[in-house]
Amino acid sequence: MHRKNPDREGIDYFFVAKQWSGEIKNMEPNKCDLLEWFDLDDLPHNIIPYVKEAIIKYIEGIKFTSFGWE
């Protein structure tokens, strides 16, 4: 995703985990309160907008998008 906000622009990479074992661990507790797994059809209401857009595009089969350029 090519993303822009008022302060900067950048490229974000998102990956799909087909298989996982072990526990997820929050390695940046000063930036993130909690990590949890969610079904794609049951995402939390307060999901970060650009992350939600990336998930929607993944579901639609779109591999690249932009966000914040309106």
N, C-alpha and C. Protein backbone atom coordinates (compact mmCIF):
# COMPACT_ATOMS: atom_id res chain seq x y z
N MET A 1 0.84 -1.17 0.00
CA MET A 1 0.00 0.00 0.00
C MET A 1 0.89 1.24 0.00
N HIS A 2 0.60 2.15 -0.92
CA HIS A 2 1.25 3.45 -0.94
C HIS A 2 0.36 4.38 -0.12
N ARG A 3 0.87 4.82 1.01
CA ARG A 3 0.03 5.55 1.96
C ARG A 3 0.59 6.93 2.23
N LYS A 4 -0.35 7.89 2.33
CA LYS A 4 0.03 9.27 2.62
C LYS A 4 -0.83 9.80 3.75
N ASN A 5 -0.20 10.53 4.66
CA ASN A 5 -0.94 11.30 5.65
C ASN A 5 -0.33 12.70 5.64
N PRO A 6 -0.88 13.64 6.41
CA PRO A 6 -0.37 15.01 6.33
C PRO A 6 1.12 15.16 6.64
N ASP A 7 1.69 14.27 7.42
CA ASP A 7 3.08 14.40 7.84
C ASP A 7 4.09 13.66 6.97
N ARG A 8 3.65 12.61 6.27
CA ARG A 8 4.61 11.80 5.52
C ARG A 8 3.89 10.89 4.55
N GLU A 9 4.66 10.25 3.69
CA GLU A 9 4.14 9.20 2.84
C GLU A 9 5.07 8.01 2.93
N GLY A 10 4.54 6.85 2.62
CA GLY A 10 5.37 5.66 2.71
C GLY A 10 4.70 4.47 2.06
N ILE A 11 5.38 3.35 2.14
CA ILE A 11 4.89 2.07 1.61
C ILE A 11 4.71 1.12 2.79
N ASP A 12 3.55 0.50 2.86
CA ASP A 12 3.28 -0.52 3.87
C ASP A 12 3.19 -1.87 3.18
N TYR A 13 3.71 -2.89 3.84
CA TYR A 13 3.65 -4.26 3.35
C TYR A 13 2.79 -5.08 4.30
N PHE A 14 1.90 -5.87 3.75
CA PHE A 14 1.03 -6.74 4.53
C PHE A 14 1.25 -8.18 4.06
N PHE A 15 1.24 -9.09 5.00
CA PHE A 15 1.48 -10.50 4.69
C PHE A 15 0.32 -11.34 5.20
N VAL A 16 0.10 -12.46 4.54
CA VAL A 16 -0.93 -13.41 4.94
C VAL A 16 -0.25 -14.60 5.60
N ALA A 17 -0.66 -14.91 6.81
CA ALA A 17 -0.14 -16.09 7.51
C ALA A 17 -1.09 -17.25 7.22
N LYS A 18 -0.63 -18.22 6.50
CA LYS A 18 -1.46 -19.40 6.18
C LYS A 18 -1.46 -20.39 7.34
N GLN A 19 -0.41 -20.34 8.15
CA GLN A 19 -0.29 -21.26 9.28
C GLN A 19 0.47 -20.55 10.38
N TRP A 20 0.10 -20.80 11.62
CA TRP A 20 0.76 -20.15 12.75
C TRP A 20 0.80 -21.11 13.91
N SER A 21 1.89 -21.10 14.63
CA SER A 21 1.96 -21.85 15.88
C SER A 21 2.59 -20.95 16.92
N GLY A 22 2.28 -21.17 18.17
CA GLY A 22 2.82 -20.35 19.23
C GLY A 22 1.91 -19.19 19.57
N GLU A 23 2.40 -18.33 20.42
CA GLU A 23 1.63 -17.18 20.87
C GLU A 23 2.17 -15.92 20.18
N ILE A 24 1.24 -15.00 19.84
CA ILE A 24 1.69 -13.71 19.34
C ILE A 24 2.16 -12.89 20.53
N LYS A 25 3.14 -12.02 20.30
CA LYS A 25 3.70 -11.23 21.38
C LYS A 25 3.82 -9.77 20.94
N ASN A 26 3.36 -8.88 21.77
CA ASN A 26 3.45 -7.45 21.50
C ASN A 26 4.86 -6.97 21.82
N MET A 27 5.64 -6.70 20.79
CA MET A 27 7.02 -6.26 20.97
C MET A 27 7.15 -4.74 21.04
N GLU A 28 6.03 -4.03 20.87
CA GLU A 28 6.04 -2.57 20.97
C GLU A 28 4.92 -2.11 21.89
N PRO A 29 4.96 -2.44 23.17
CA PRO A 29 3.86 -2.08 24.07
C PRO A 29 3.64 -0.58 24.21
N ASN A 30 4.66 0.23 23.88
CA ASN A 30 4.47 1.67 23.93
C ASN A 30 3.67 2.20 22.74
N LYS A 31 3.50 1.36 21.70
CA LYS A 31 2.74 1.75 20.51
C LYS A 31 1.42 1.00 20.37
N CYS A 32 1.31 -0.13 21.05
CA CYS A 32 0.16 -1.02 20.84
C CYS A 32 -0.29 -1.60 22.17
N ASP A 33 -1.56 -1.48 22.47
CA ASP A 33 -2.09 -2.00 23.73
C ASP A 33 -2.26 -3.52 23.74
N LEU A 34 -2.66 -4.08 22.59
CA LEU A 34 -3.08 -5.47 22.59
C LEU A 34 -2.98 -6.06 21.18
N LEU A 35 -2.59 -7.31 21.08
CA LEU A 35 -2.62 -8.04 19.82
C LEU A 35 -3.58 -9.20 19.97
N GLU A 36 -4.46 -9.38 18.99
CA GLU A 36 -5.42 -10.48 18.99
C GLU A 36 -5.65 -10.95 17.57
N TRP A 37 -6.08 -12.20 17.41
CA TRP A 37 -6.48 -12.74 16.12
C TRP A 37 -7.98 -12.52 15.96
N PHE A 38 -8.41 -12.16 14.74
CA PHE A 38 -9.82 -11.95 14.43
C PHE A 38 -10.16 -12.62 13.11
N ASP A 39 -11.37 -13.13 12.99
CA ASP A 39 -11.86 -13.61 11.70
C ASP A 39 -12.05 -12.40 10.79
N LEU A 40 -11.83 -12.58 9.49
CA LEU A 40 -11.98 -11.47 8.56
C LEU A 40 -13.40 -10.92 8.54
N ASP A 41 -14.37 -11.76 8.83
CA ASP A 41 -15.76 -11.28 8.84
C ASP A 41 -16.21 -10.80 10.22
N ASP A 42 -15.29 -10.68 11.16
CA ASP A 42 -15.62 -10.22 12.51
C ASP A 42 -14.49 -9.34 13.06
N LEU A 43 -14.12 -8.33 12.28
CA LEU A 43 -13.04 -7.43 12.69
C LEU A 43 -13.56 -6.43 13.73
N PRO A 44 -12.69 -5.92 14.59
CA PRO A 44 -13.14 -4.96 15.60
C PRO A 44 -13.59 -3.64 14.95
N HIS A 45 -14.47 -2.94 15.62
CA HIS A 45 -15.01 -1.69 15.06
C HIS A 45 -13.95 -0.58 15.03
N ASN A 46 -12.94 -0.66 15.87
CA ASN A 46 -11.95 0.41 15.96
C ASN A 46 -10.65 0.09 15.20
N ILE A 47 -10.76 -0.73 14.17
CA ILE A 47 -9.58 -1.08 13.37
C ILE A 47 -9.02 0.18 12.70
N ILE A 48 -7.72 0.25 12.57
CA ILE A 48 -7.07 1.39 11.92
C ILE A 48 -7.54 1.45 10.46
N PRO A 49 -8.01 2.62 9.99
CA PRO A 49 -8.61 2.70 8.65
C PRO A 49 -7.74 2.16 7.51
N TYR A 50 -6.45 2.44 7.48
CA TYR A 50 -5.65 1.95 6.36
C TYR A 50 -5.45 0.44 6.43
N VAL A 51 -5.45 -0.12 7.64
CA VAL A 51 -5.36 -1.58 7.79
C VAL A 51 -6.66 -2.22 7.31
N LYS A 52 -7.79 -1.62 7.67
CA LYS A 52 -9.08 -2.12 7.19
C LYS A 52 -9.12 -2.10 5.66
N GLU A 53 -8.65 -1.01 5.05
CA GLU A 53 -8.61 -0.92 3.59
C GLU A 53 -7.73 -2.01 2.99
N ALA A 54 -6.60 -2.28 3.59
CA ALA A 54 -5.72 -3.34 3.10
C ALA A 54 -6.41 -4.70 3.17
N ILE A 55 -7.13 -4.96 4.24
CA ILE A 55 -7.86 -6.23 4.38
C ILE A 55 -8.96 -6.34 3.33
N ILE A 56 -9.70 -5.26 3.12
CA ILE A 56 -10.76 -5.25 2.10
C ILE A 56 -10.16 -5.54 0.73
N LYS A 57 -9.05 -4.89 0.40
CA LYS A 57 -8.42 -5.12 -0.91
C LYS A 57 -7.92 -6.56 -1.03
N TYR A 58 -7.39 -7.12 0.05
CA TYR A 58 -6.96 -8.52 0.04
C TYR A 58 -8.15 -9.43 -0.28
N ILE A 59 -9.27 -9.20 0.39
CA ILE A 59 -10.48 -10.01 0.16
C ILE A 59 -10.93 -9.88 -1.30
N GLU A 60 -10.79 -8.69 -1.86
CA GLU A 60 -11.18 -8.45 -3.26
C GLU A 60 -10.16 -8.97 -4.26
N GLY A 61 -9.02 -9.46 -3.78
CA GLY A 61 -7.99 -9.99 -4.67
C GLY A 61 -7.07 -8.92 -5.24
N ILE A 62 -7.12 -7.72 -4.68
CA ILE A 62 -6.27 -6.62 -5.15
C ILE A 62 -4.99 -6.61 -4.34
N LYS A 63 -3.86 -6.67 -5.02
CA LYS A 63 -2.57 -6.82 -4.34
C LYS A 63 -1.88 -5.51 -4.04
N PHE A 64 -2.30 -4.41 -4.64
CA PHE A 64 -1.67 -3.12 -4.38
C PHE A 64 -2.75 -2.05 -4.39
N THR A 65 -2.64 -1.08 -3.49
CA THR A 65 -3.59 0.03 -3.45
C THR A 65 -2.89 1.25 -2.87
N SER A 66 -3.60 2.35 -2.89
CA SER A 66 -3.11 3.57 -2.25
C SER A 66 -4.15 4.02 -1.25
N PHE A 67 -3.69 4.82 -0.29
CA PHE A 67 -4.59 5.29 0.76
C PHE A 67 -4.14 6.67 1.22
N GLY A 68 -5.11 7.58 1.40
CA GLY A 68 -4.81 8.91 1.91
C GLY A 68 -4.44 9.94 0.86
N TRP A 69 -4.66 9.63 -0.40
CA TRP A 69 -4.28 10.55 -1.46
C TRP A 69 -5.45 11.39 -1.96
N GLU A 70 -6.60 11.28 -1.31
CA GLU A 70 -7.79 12.00 -1.78
C GLU A 70 -7.60 13.48 -1.68
